[in-house]
Protein backbone atom coordinates (compact mmCIF):
# COMPACT_ATOMS: atom_id res chain seq x y z
CA SER A 1 39.27 100.91 101.58
CA SER A 2 42.52 100.86 103.84
CA GLU A 3 41.68 104.62 104.71
CA TRP A 4 38.42 103.33 106.33
CA LYS A 5 39.94 100.42 107.97
CA ARG A 6 43.03 102.77 109.28
CA ILE A 7 40.04 105.34 110.61
CA ARG A 8 38.29 102.15 111.99
CA ASP A 9 41.06 100.52 113.93
CA PHE A 10 41.65 104.35 115.24
CA VAL A 11 37.92 104.23 116.57
CA ILE A 12 37.90 100.94 118.18
CA LEU A 13 41.33 101.87 120.33
CA ARG A 14 40.19 105.15 121.18
CA ASP A 15 37.02 103.78 122.40
CA MET A 16 38.79 101.04 123.80
CA GLY A 17 36.73 98.78 122.55
CA CYS A 18 33.70 99.59 124.54
CA ASP A 19 29.92 100.22 123.71
CA LEU A 20 29.23 103.83 122.93
CA GLY A 21 32.68 104.49 123.80
CA CYS A 22 31.62 104.16 127.72
CA LYS A 23 34.36 102.33 129.80
CA ASP A 24 33.53 99.39 131.98
CA ASN A 25 31.07 98.25 128.90
CA PRO A 26 32.95 96.37 126.68
CA ILE A 27 31.88 94.91 123.58
CA SER A 28 32.17 91.30 123.64
CA GLY A 29 31.25 90.26 120.04
CA LYS A 30 31.83 92.31 116.82
CA ILE A 31 32.67 95.74 116.99
CA TYR A 32 30.53 98.08 114.58
CA ILE A 33 31.52 101.53 113.58
CA HIS A 34 28.51 104.04 113.83
CA HIS A 35 28.11 107.19 112.06
CA MET A 36 26.77 109.67 114.51
CA ASN A 37 25.51 111.94 112.09
CA PRO A 38 23.23 110.40 109.11
CA ILE A 39 25.31 109.97 105.78
CA THR A 40 23.52 111.13 102.62
CA SER A 41 24.87 109.76 99.35
CA ASP A 42 26.30 113.36 98.88
CA ASP A 43 28.33 112.87 101.72
CA MET A 44 29.97 109.57 99.93
CA ASN A 45 32.49 112.10 98.29
CA ASN A 46 33.43 114.06 101.39
CA PRO A 47 36.09 112.47 103.47
CA ASP A 48 35.55 114.89 106.41
CA LYS A 49 32.06 113.59 106.81
CA ILE A 50 32.19 109.75 106.42
CA LEU A 51 36.27 109.36 107.79
CA ASN A 52 36.50 111.92 110.47
CA PRO A 53 36.65 110.09 113.98
CA GLU A 54 35.18 113.17 115.92
CA TYR A 55 31.70 111.75 113.96
CA LEU A 56 32.43 107.84 114.69
CA ILE A 57 31.53 105.76 117.64
CA SER A 58 32.06 102.13 118.77
CA VAL A 59 29.05 100.10 119.00
CA SER A 60 27.88 96.47 119.75
CA LEU A 61 25.31 94.92 117.13
CA GLU A 62 22.12 95.44 119.55
CA THR A 63 23.12 99.27 119.93
CA HIS A 64 23.45 100.00 116.54
CA ASN A 65 19.97 98.11 115.82
CA ALA A 66 18.50 100.37 118.36
CA ILE A 67 19.90 103.33 117.15
CA HIS A 68 18.87 102.57 113.63
CA TYR A 69 15.63 101.18 114.40
CA GLY A 70 14.53 102.96 117.28
CA ASP A 71 13.95 100.35 119.52
CA ASP A 72 15.75 100.80 122.72
CA SER A 73 13.94 97.64 124.18
CA ILE A 74 16.71 95.57 122.66
CA LEU A 75 19.34 96.86 125.01
CA ASP A 76 20.14 95.57 128.34
CA LYS A 77 18.63 97.81 130.78
CA ASN A 78 20.92 96.91 133.66
CA LYS A 79 23.73 98.88 131.79
CA ILE A 80 23.69 102.67 132.47
CA LEU A 81 25.80 104.44 129.46
CA GLU A 82 26.98 107.49 130.67
CA ARG A 83 28.57 110.14 128.05
CA PHE A 84 30.83 113.01 128.64
CA ALA A 85 31.35 116.35 126.82
CA ASN A 86 34.21 115.39 124.29
CA ASP A 87 34.52 111.89 125.36
CA THR A 88 35.19 110.77 121.76
CA SER A 89 38.25 113.56 121.58
CA ILE A 90 41.14 112.12 123.59
CA TRP A 91 42.75 115.18 122.85
CA LYS A 92 39.97 117.67 124.17
CA LYS A 93 39.73 118.33 127.92
CA GLU A 94 36.09 117.60 129.71
CA LYS A 95 34.32 121.04 130.26
């Protein structure tokens, strides 16, 4: 939908096209948007669950597959991805 495309573009810009939103880890291929909270069929009628940028993150295909298939062996072990509190919320301050 046009709403999804708008939210997707927002998330990519917010995350600066970086894997898991971690700066200095740009995604060189296609950027996927991952729902950090599992989505159920009931959630499909709840825009806050599926369209809220607070619950979305930019990922590479490799990271997306590692998350969904529980296989971190496909990830580049030379990259250290450090996350911080509220790092997907540009309007919140780090605690």
